[in-house]
């Protein structure tokens, strides 16, 4: 138990890679590392509330390239950074590569920022388990990604929101999200939104 919301936030700030937490006001409970899901029904989570660090998303409306595009224009690159998450069938209005050995999505932030973490919004309708073996790379020069920010092993779940937190703030202009498949089955990358968060925008 913790005395207050402020105490819960303070505990998060002291933890390595903590960017969000849940707080239960009624029972004075503080929880880290809980799974986060996109919700469209306006339903109540009871006495639990979700909190996240206040940062700037520098990826919104920036140029995006993909290793391939499945079923254009339903999965065009710009959907990764259109600053909205839409609930549709067949993951329309989400980026969707073809199934490849190492599919990827690259965002050009058009300027250099100290990247703190990258948030991935998984597809909502079904097949959320395809989100797996994800690595997030950073670089200052196009085509070069020397820094591994972090990753997500998965498998993901439908509508799951994943924060990939860098070990330390990393100066970068280009962000690459890559999925590494095995030789037996080629999963695509399907993401309904990608956000790149920084303090120094």
C-alpha atoms as a PDB file:
ATOM      1  CA  UNK A   1       0.000   0.000   0.000  1.00  0.00           C
ATOM      2  CA  UNK A   2       1.068   3.592  -0.640  1.00  0.00           C
ATOM      3  CA  UNK A   3      -0.312   6.730   1.023  1.00  0.00           C
ATOM      4  CA  UNK A   4      -1.147   8.695  -2.130  1.00  0.00           C
ATOM      5  CA  UNK A   5      -1.002   9.040  -5.899  1.00  0.00           C
ATOM      6  CA  UNK A   6       2.072  11.264  -5.529  1.00  0.00           C
ATOM      7  CA  UNK A   7       3.865   8.535  -3.597  1.00  0.00           C
ATOM      8  CA  UNK A   8       3.027   6.031  -6.327  1.00  0.00           C
ATOM      9  CA  UNK A   9       4.383   8.418  -8.982  1.00  0.00           C
ATOM     10  CA  UNK A  10       7.537   8.929  -6.915  1.00  0.00           C
ATOM     11  CA  UNK A  11       8.087   5.184  -6.684  1.00  0.00           C
ATOM     12  CA  UNK A  12       7.721   4.928 -10.457  1.00  0.00           C
ATOM     13  CA  UNK A  13      10.249   7.732 -10.966  1.00  0.00           C
ATOM     14  CA  UNK A  14      12.783   5.837  -8.845  1.00  0.00           C
ATOM     15  CA  UNK A  15      12.375   2.621 -10.833  1.00  0.00           C
ATOM     16  CA  UNK A  16      14.468   1.872 -13.876  1.00  0.00           C
ATOM     17  CA  UNK A  17      12.442   2.151 -17.101  1.00  0.00           C
ATOM     18  CA  UNK A  18       9.169   2.977 -15.365  1.00  0.00           C
ATOM     19  CA  UNK A  19       7.094   5.251 -17.620  1.00  0.00           C
ATOM     20  CA  UNK A  20       3.588   4.347 -16.451  1.00  0.00           C
ATOM     21  CA  UNK A  21       1.685   2.939 -13.492  1.00  0.00           C
ATOM     22  CA  UNK A  22      -1.765   2.090 -12.143  1.00  0.00           C
ATOM     23  CA  UNK A  23      -3.140   3.545  -8.898  1.00  0.00           C
ATOM     24  CA  UNK A  24      -6.164   2.412  -6.901  1.00  0.00           C
ATOM     25  CA  UNK A  25      -7.402   5.364  -4.851  1.00  0.00           C
ATOM     26  CA  UNK A  26      -9.867   3.360  -2.756  1.00  0.00           C
ATOM     27  CA  UNK A  27      -7.356   0.780  -1.554  1.00  0.00           C
ATOM     28  CA  UNK A  28      -4.174   2.901  -1.898  1.00  0.00           C
ATOM     29  CA  UNK A  29      -2.594   0.350  -4.222  1.00  0.00           C
ATOM     30  CA  UNK A  30       0.190   1.089  -6.689  1.00  0.00           C
ATOM     31  CA  UNK A  31       0.980  -1.268  -9.572  1.00  0.00           C
ATOM     32  CA  UNK A  32       3.753  -1.180 -12.166  1.00  0.00           C
ATOM     33  CA  UNK A  33       4.264  -3.276 -15.297  1.00  0.00           C
ATOM     34  CA  UNK A  34       0.584  -4.029 -15.842  1.00  0.00           C
ATOM     35  CA  UNK A  35      -0.537  -4.684 -19.396  1.00  0.00           C
ATOM     36  CA  UNK A  36      -2.237  -1.761 -21.133  1.00  0.00           C
ATOM     37  CA  UNK A  37      -5.022  -2.104 -23.695  1.00  0.00           C
ATOM     38  CA  UNK A  38      -6.771   0.284 -26.056  1.00  0.00           C
ATOM     39  CA  UNK A  39     -10.410   0.697 -25.042  1.00  0.00           C
ATOM     40  CA  UNK A  40     -13.268   2.126 -27.089  1.00  0.00           C
ATOM     41  CA  UNK A  41     -16.256   1.222 -24.927  1.00  0.00           C
ATOM     42  CA  UNK A  42     -15.777   3.902 -22.279  1.00  0.00           C
ATOM     43  CA  UNK A  43     -16.074   1.201 -19.655  1.00  0.00           C
ATOM     44  CA  UNK A  44     -14.949   1.783 -16.115  1.00  0.00           C
ATOM     45  CA  UNK A  45     -11.817   0.139 -14.710  1.00  0.00           C
ATOM     46  CA  UNK A  46     -13.299   0.391 -11.249  1.00  0.00           C
ATOM     47  CA  UNK A  47     -11.106   2.239  -8.797  1.00  0.00           C
ATOM     48  CA  UNK A  48      -7.960   1.779 -10.881  1.00  0.00           C
ATOM     49  CA  UNK A  49      -6.580   4.679 -12.925  1.00  0.00           C
ATOM     50  CA  UNK A  50      -3.734   4.623 -15.447  1.00  0.00           C
ATOM     51  CA  UNK A  51      -0.964   7.256 -15.494  1.00  0.00           C
ATOM     52  CA  UNK A  52       1.880   7.839 -17.929  1.00  0.00           C
ATOM     53  CA  UNK A  53       4.815  10.248 -18.071  1.00  0.00           C
ATOM     54  CA  UNK A  54       3.928  13.477 -19.835  1.00  0.00           C
ATOM     55  CA  UNK A  55       6.168  13.698 -22.890  1.00  0.00           C
ATOM     56  CA  UNK A  56       5.929  14.831 -26.502  1.00  0.00           C
ATOM     57  CA  UNK A  57       5.221  12.429 -29.349  1.00  0.00           C
ATOM     58  CA  UNK A  58       7.673  13.552 -32.042  1.00  0.00           C
ATOM     59  CA  UNK A  59       6.601  10.875 -34.546  1.00  0.00           C
ATOM     60  CA  UNK A  60       3.161  12.323 -35.310  1.00  0.00           C
ATOM     61  CA  UNK A  61       2.639  12.955 -39.043  1.00  0.00           C
ATOM     62  CA  UNK A  62       6.304  12.300 -39.896  1.00  0.00           C
ATOM     63  CA  UNK A  63       7.471  10.365 -43.002  1.00  0.00           C
ATOM     64  CA  UNK A  64       7.267   6.572 -42.739  1.00  0.00           C
ATOM     65  CA  UNK A  65       8.720   3.831 -44.932  1.00  0.00           C
ATOM     66  CA  UNK A  66       8.070   0.088 -44.737  1.00  0.00           C
ATOM     67  CA  UNK A  67       9.828  -3.023 -45.998  1.00  0.00           C
ATOM     68  CA  UNK A  68       6.591  -3.900 -47.817  1.00  0.00           C
ATOM     69  CA  UNK A  69       2.926  -2.949 -47.774  1.00  0.00           C
ATOM     70  CA  UNK A  70       0.066  -5.415 -47.542  1.00  0.00           C
ATOM     71  CA  UNK A  71      -3.134  -4.592 -49.421  1.00  0.00           C
ATOM     72  CA  UNK A  72      -2.566  -0.899 -50.221  1.00  0.00           C
ATOM     73  CA  UNK A  73      -3.973   1.628 -49.549  1.00  0.00           C
ATOM     74  CA  UNK A  74      -5.711   0.058 -46.529  1.00  0.00           C
ATOM     75  CA  UNK A  75      -2.391  -0.223 -44.675  1.00  0.00           C
ATOM     76  CA  UNK A  76      -0.478   2.793 -45.987  1.00  0.00           C
ATOM     77  CA  UNK A  77       2.637   3.908 -44.055  1.00  0.00           C
ATOM     78  CA  UNK A  78       1.101   7.175 -42.837  1.00  0.00           C
ATOM     79  CA  UNK A  79      -1.340   5.243 -40.637  1.00  0.00           C
ATOM     80  CA  UNK A  80       1.551   4.497 -38.255  1.00  0.00           C
ATOM     81  CA  UNK A  81       1.808   8.150 -37.272  1.00  0.00           C
ATOM     82  CA  UNK A  82      -1.623   9.681 -37.944  1.00  0.00           C
ATOM     83  CA  UNK A  83      -2.058  10.283 -34.192  1.00  0.00           C
ATOM     84  CA  UNK A  84      -5.162   8.121 -33.884  1.00  0.00           C
ATOM     85  CA  UNK A  85      -6.061   4.521 -33.187  1.00  0.00           C
ATOM     86  CA  UNK A  86      -9.106   3.244 -35.055  1.00  0.00           C
ATOM     87  CA  UNK A  87     -11.046   0.056 -34.378  1.00  0.00           C
ATOM     88  CA  UNK A  88     -11.638  -1.581 -37.759  1.00  0.00           C
ATOM     89  CA  UNK A  89     -11.849  -5.067 -39.197  1.00  0.00           C
ATOM     90  CA  UNK A  90      -8.777  -6.571 -40.879  1.00  0.00           C
ATOM     91  CA  UNK A  91      -6.607  -3.919 -39.186  1.00  0.00           C
ATOM     92  CA  UNK A  92      -7.504  -1.293 -41.760  1.00  0.00           C
ATOM     93  CA  UNK A  93      -5.953   2.116 -41.074  1.00  0.00           C
ATOM     94  CA  UNK A  94      -3.044   0.329 -39.387  1.00  0.00           C
ATOM     95  CA  UNK A  95       0.343  -0.300 -41.011  1.00  0.00           C
ATOM     96  CA  UNK A  96       0.701  -3.889 -42.177  1.00  0.00           C
ATOM     97  CA  UNK A  97       3.753  -5.323 -43.903  1.00  0.00           C
ATOM     98  CA  UNK A  98       3.762  -8.564 -45.811  1.00  0.00           C
ATOM     99  CA  UNK A  99       5.070 -11.685 -44.116  1.00  0.00           C
ATOM    100  CA  UNK A 100       8.860 -11.521 -44.463  1.00  0.00           C
ATOM    101  CA  UNK A 101      11.918 -12.783 -42.612  1.00  0.00           C
ATOM    102  CA  UNK A 102      12.622  -9.373 -41.066  1.00  0.00           C
ATOM    103  CA  UNK A 103       9.836  -6.888 -41.858  1.00  0.00           C
ATOM    104  CA  UNK A 104      10.431  -3.332 -40.685  1.00  0.00           C
ATOM    105  CA  UNK A 105       8.911   0.136 -40.339  1.00  0.00           C
ATOM    106  CA  UNK A 106      11.099   3.267 -40.269  1.00  0.00           C
ATOM    107  CA  UNK A 107      10.061   6.729 -39.064  1.00  0.00           C
ATOM    108  CA  UNK A 108      12.018   9.851 -40.012  1.00  0.00           C
ATOM    109  CA  UNK A 109      11.556  12.328 -37.155  1.00  0.00           C
ATOM    110  CA  UNK A 110      12.970  15.072 -39.459  1.00  0.00           C
ATOM    111  CA  UNK A 111      15.134  16.360 -36.592  1.00  0.00           C
ATOM    112  CA  UNK A 112      17.251  14.849 -33.838  1.00  0.00           C
ATOM    113  CA  UNK A 113      15.659  14.193 -30.451  1.00  0.00           C
ATOM    114  CA  UNK A 114      16.644  12.437 -27.245  1.00  0.00           C
ATOM    115  CA  UNK A 115      14.341   9.430 -27.470  1.00  0.00           C
ATOM    116  CA  UNK A 116      13.141   8.109 -24.103  1.00  0.00           C
ATOM    117  CA  UNK A 117      10.783   5.369 -25.250  1.00  0.00           C
ATOM    118  CA  UNK A 118       8.682   4.125 -28.144  1.00  0.00           C
ATOM    119  CA  UNK A 119       5.046   3.076 -27.778  1.00  0.00           C
ATOM    120  CA  UNK A 120       3.530   0.445 -30.067  1.00  0.00           C
ATOM    121  CA  UNK A 121      -0.241   0.041 -30.447  1.00  0.00           C
ATOM    122  CA  UNK A 122      -0.994  -3.510 -31.522  1.00  0.00           C
ATOM    123  CA  UNK A 123      -3.820  -4.395 -33.898  1.00  0.00           C
ATOM    124  CA  UNK A 124      -7.218  -4.470 -32.220  1.00  0.00           C
ATOM    125  CA  UNK A 125      -9.454  -6.837 -34.177  1.00  0.00           C
ATOM    126  CA  UNK A 126      -7.623 -10.192 -33.949  1.00  0.00           C
ATOM    127  CA  UNK A 127      -4.243 -11.866 -34.548  1.00  0.00           C
ATOM    128  CA  UNK A 128      -2.587  -9.712 -31.892  1.00  0.00           C
ATOM    129  CA  UNK A 129      -0.287 -12.651 -31.160  1.00  0.00           C
ATOM    130  CA  UNK A 130       1.643 -11.850 -34.341  1.00  0.00           C
ATOM    131  CA  UNK A 131       3.373  -9.022 -32.487  1.00  0.00           C
ATOM    132  CA  UNK A 132       6.525 -10.773 -31.279  1.00  0.00           C
ATOM    133  CA  UNK A 133      10.317 -10.717 -31.531  1.00  0.00           C
ATOM    134  CA  UNK A 134      10.246  -6.932 -31.969  1.00  0.00           C
ATOM    135  CA  UNK A 135      13.382  -4.784 -31.784  1.00  0.00           C
ATOM    136  CA  UNK A 136      13.444  -0.981 -31.790  1.00  0.00           C
ATOM    137  CA  UNK A 137      16.598   0.577 -33.255  1.00  0.00           C
ATOM    138  CA  UNK A 138      17.690   4.219 -33.314  1.00  0.00           C
ATOM    139  CA  UNK A 139      20.042   6.181 -35.539  1.00  0.00           C
ATOM    140  CA  UNK A 140      21.005   9.704 -36.524  1.00  0.00           C
ATOM    141  CA  UNK A 141      21.744   8.904 -40.173  1.00  0.00           C
ATOM    142  CA  UNK A 142      19.388   7.340 -42.702  1.00  0.00           C
ATOM    143  CA  UNK A 143      20.075   3.633 -43.149  1.00  0.00           C
ATOM    144  CA  UNK A 144      22.212   3.310 -40.011  1.00  0.00           C
ATOM    145  CA  UNK A 145      20.731   2.075 -36.727  1.00  0.00           C
ATOM    146  CA  UNK A 146      23.608   1.467 -34.296  1.00  0.00           C
ATOM    147  CA  UNK A 147      21.573   1.707 -31.078  1.00  0.00           C
ATOM    148  CA  UNK A 148      19.139  -0.908 -29.818  1.00  0.00           C
ATOM    149  CA  UNK A 149      16.587   0.941 -27.686  1.00  0.00           C
ATOM    150  CA  UNK A 150      14.887  -2.258 -26.569  1.00  0.00           C
ATOM    151  CA  UNK A 151      12.445  -4.912 -27.638  1.00  0.00           C
ATOM    152  CA  UNK A 152       9.293  -6.900 -27.034  1.00  0.00           C
ATOM    153  CA  UNK A 153       9.380 -10.697 -27.008  1.00  0.00           C
ATOM    154  CA  UNK A 154       5.633 -11.236 -27.165  1.00  0.00           C
ATOM    155  CA  UNK A 155       3.458 -12.763 -28.264  1.00  0.00           C
ATOM    156  CA  UNK A 156       1.232  -9.712 -28.037  1.00  0.00           C
ATOM    157  CA  UNK A 157      -2.488  -9.572 -27.400  1.00  0.00           C
ATOM    158  CA  UNK A 158      -5.292  -7.856 -29.298  1.00  0.00           C
ATOM    159  CA  UNK A 159      -5.342  -4.097 -28.552  1.00  0.00           C
ATOM    160  CA  UNK A 160      -2.231  -4.308 -26.360  1.00  0.00           C
ATOM    161  CA  UNK A 161      -0.137  -1.165 -25.903  1.00  0.00           C
ATOM    162  CA  UNK A 162       3.597  -1.806 -25.513  1.00  0.00           C
ATOM    163  CA  UNK A 163       6.148   0.685 -24.151  1.00  0.00           C
ATOM    164  CA  UNK A 164       9.703  -0.044 -25.322  1.00  0.00           C
ATOM    165  CA  UNK A 165      11.908   1.974 -22.967  1.00  0.00           C
ATOM    166  CA  UNK A 166      15.510   2.771 -23.889  1.00  0.00           C
ATOM    167  CA  UNK A 167      18.270   2.052 -21.367  1.00  0.00           C
ATOM    168  CA  UNK A 168      19.049   5.764 -21.506  1.00  0.00           C
ATOM    169  CA  UNK A 169      17.841   8.709 -23.603  1.00  0.00           C
ATOM    170  CA  UNK A 170      19.326   8.292 -27.073  1.00  0.00           C
ATOM    171  CA  UNK A 171      19.880  10.981 -29.682  1.00  0.00           C
ATOM    172  CA  UNK A 172      18.163   9.889 -32.882  1.00  0.00           C
ATOM    173  CA  UNK A 173      16.415  11.096 -35.995  1.00  0.00           C
ATOM    174  CA  UNK A 174      15.435   7.698 -37.396  1.00  0.00           C
ATOM    175  CA  UNK A 175      13.487   4.963 -35.579  1.00  0.00           C
ATOM    176  CA  UNK A 176      13.283   1.416 -36.921  1.00  0.00           C
ATOM    177  CA  UNK A 177      10.823  -1.192 -35.650  1.00  0.00           C
ATOM    178  CA  UNK A 178      11.821  -4.644 -36.856  1.00  0.00           C
ATOM    179  CA  UNK A 179      10.342  -8.119 -36.380  1.00  0.00           C
ATOM    180  CA  UNK A 180      12.708 -11.096 -36.556  1.00  0.00           C
ATOM    181  CA  UNK A 181      10.945 -14.225 -37.773  1.00  0.00           C
ATOM    182  CA  UNK A 182      12.082 -17.811 -37.572  1.00  0.00           C
ATOM    183  CA  UNK A 183      12.535 -19.797 -40.755  1.00  0.00           C
ATOM    184  CA  UNK A 184       9.243 -21.656 -40.241  1.00  0.00           C
ATOM    185  CA  UNK A 185       6.623 -18.886 -40.294  1.00  0.00           C
ATOM    186  CA  UNK A 186       6.838 -15.284 -41.447  1.00  0.00           C
ATOM    187  CA  UNK A 187       4.756 -12.917 -39.317  1.00  0.00           C
ATOM    188  CA  UNK A 188       4.072  -9.392 -40.608  1.00  0.00           C
ATOM    189  CA  UNK A 189       4.321  -6.203 -38.593  1.00  0.00           C
ATOM    190  CA  UNK A 190       0.842  -4.824 -37.924  1.00  0.00           C
ATOM    191  CA  UNK A 191       0.664  -1.697 -35.764  1.00  0.00           C
ATOM    192  CA  UNK A 192      -2.169   0.805 -35.447  1.00  0.00           C
ATOM    193  CA  UNK A 193       0.039   3.590 -34.101  1.00  0.00           C
ATOM    194  CA  UNK A 194       3.694   4.214 -33.256  1.00  0.00           C
ATOM    195  CA  UNK A 195       4.679   6.998 -30.894  1.00  0.00           C
ATOM    196  CA  UNK A 196       8.198   8.211 -30.148  1.00  0.00           C
ATOM    197  CA  UNK A 197       8.383  10.011 -26.819  1.00  0.00           C
ATOM    198  CA  UNK A 198      10.867  12.660 -25.720  1.00  0.00           C
ATOM    199  CA  UNK A 199      11.281  15.446 -23.178  1.00  0.00           C
ATOM    200  CA  UNK A 200      13.299  17.782 -25.418  1.00  0.00           C
ATOM    201  CA  UNK A 201      10.856  18.580 -28.225  1.00  0.00           C
END
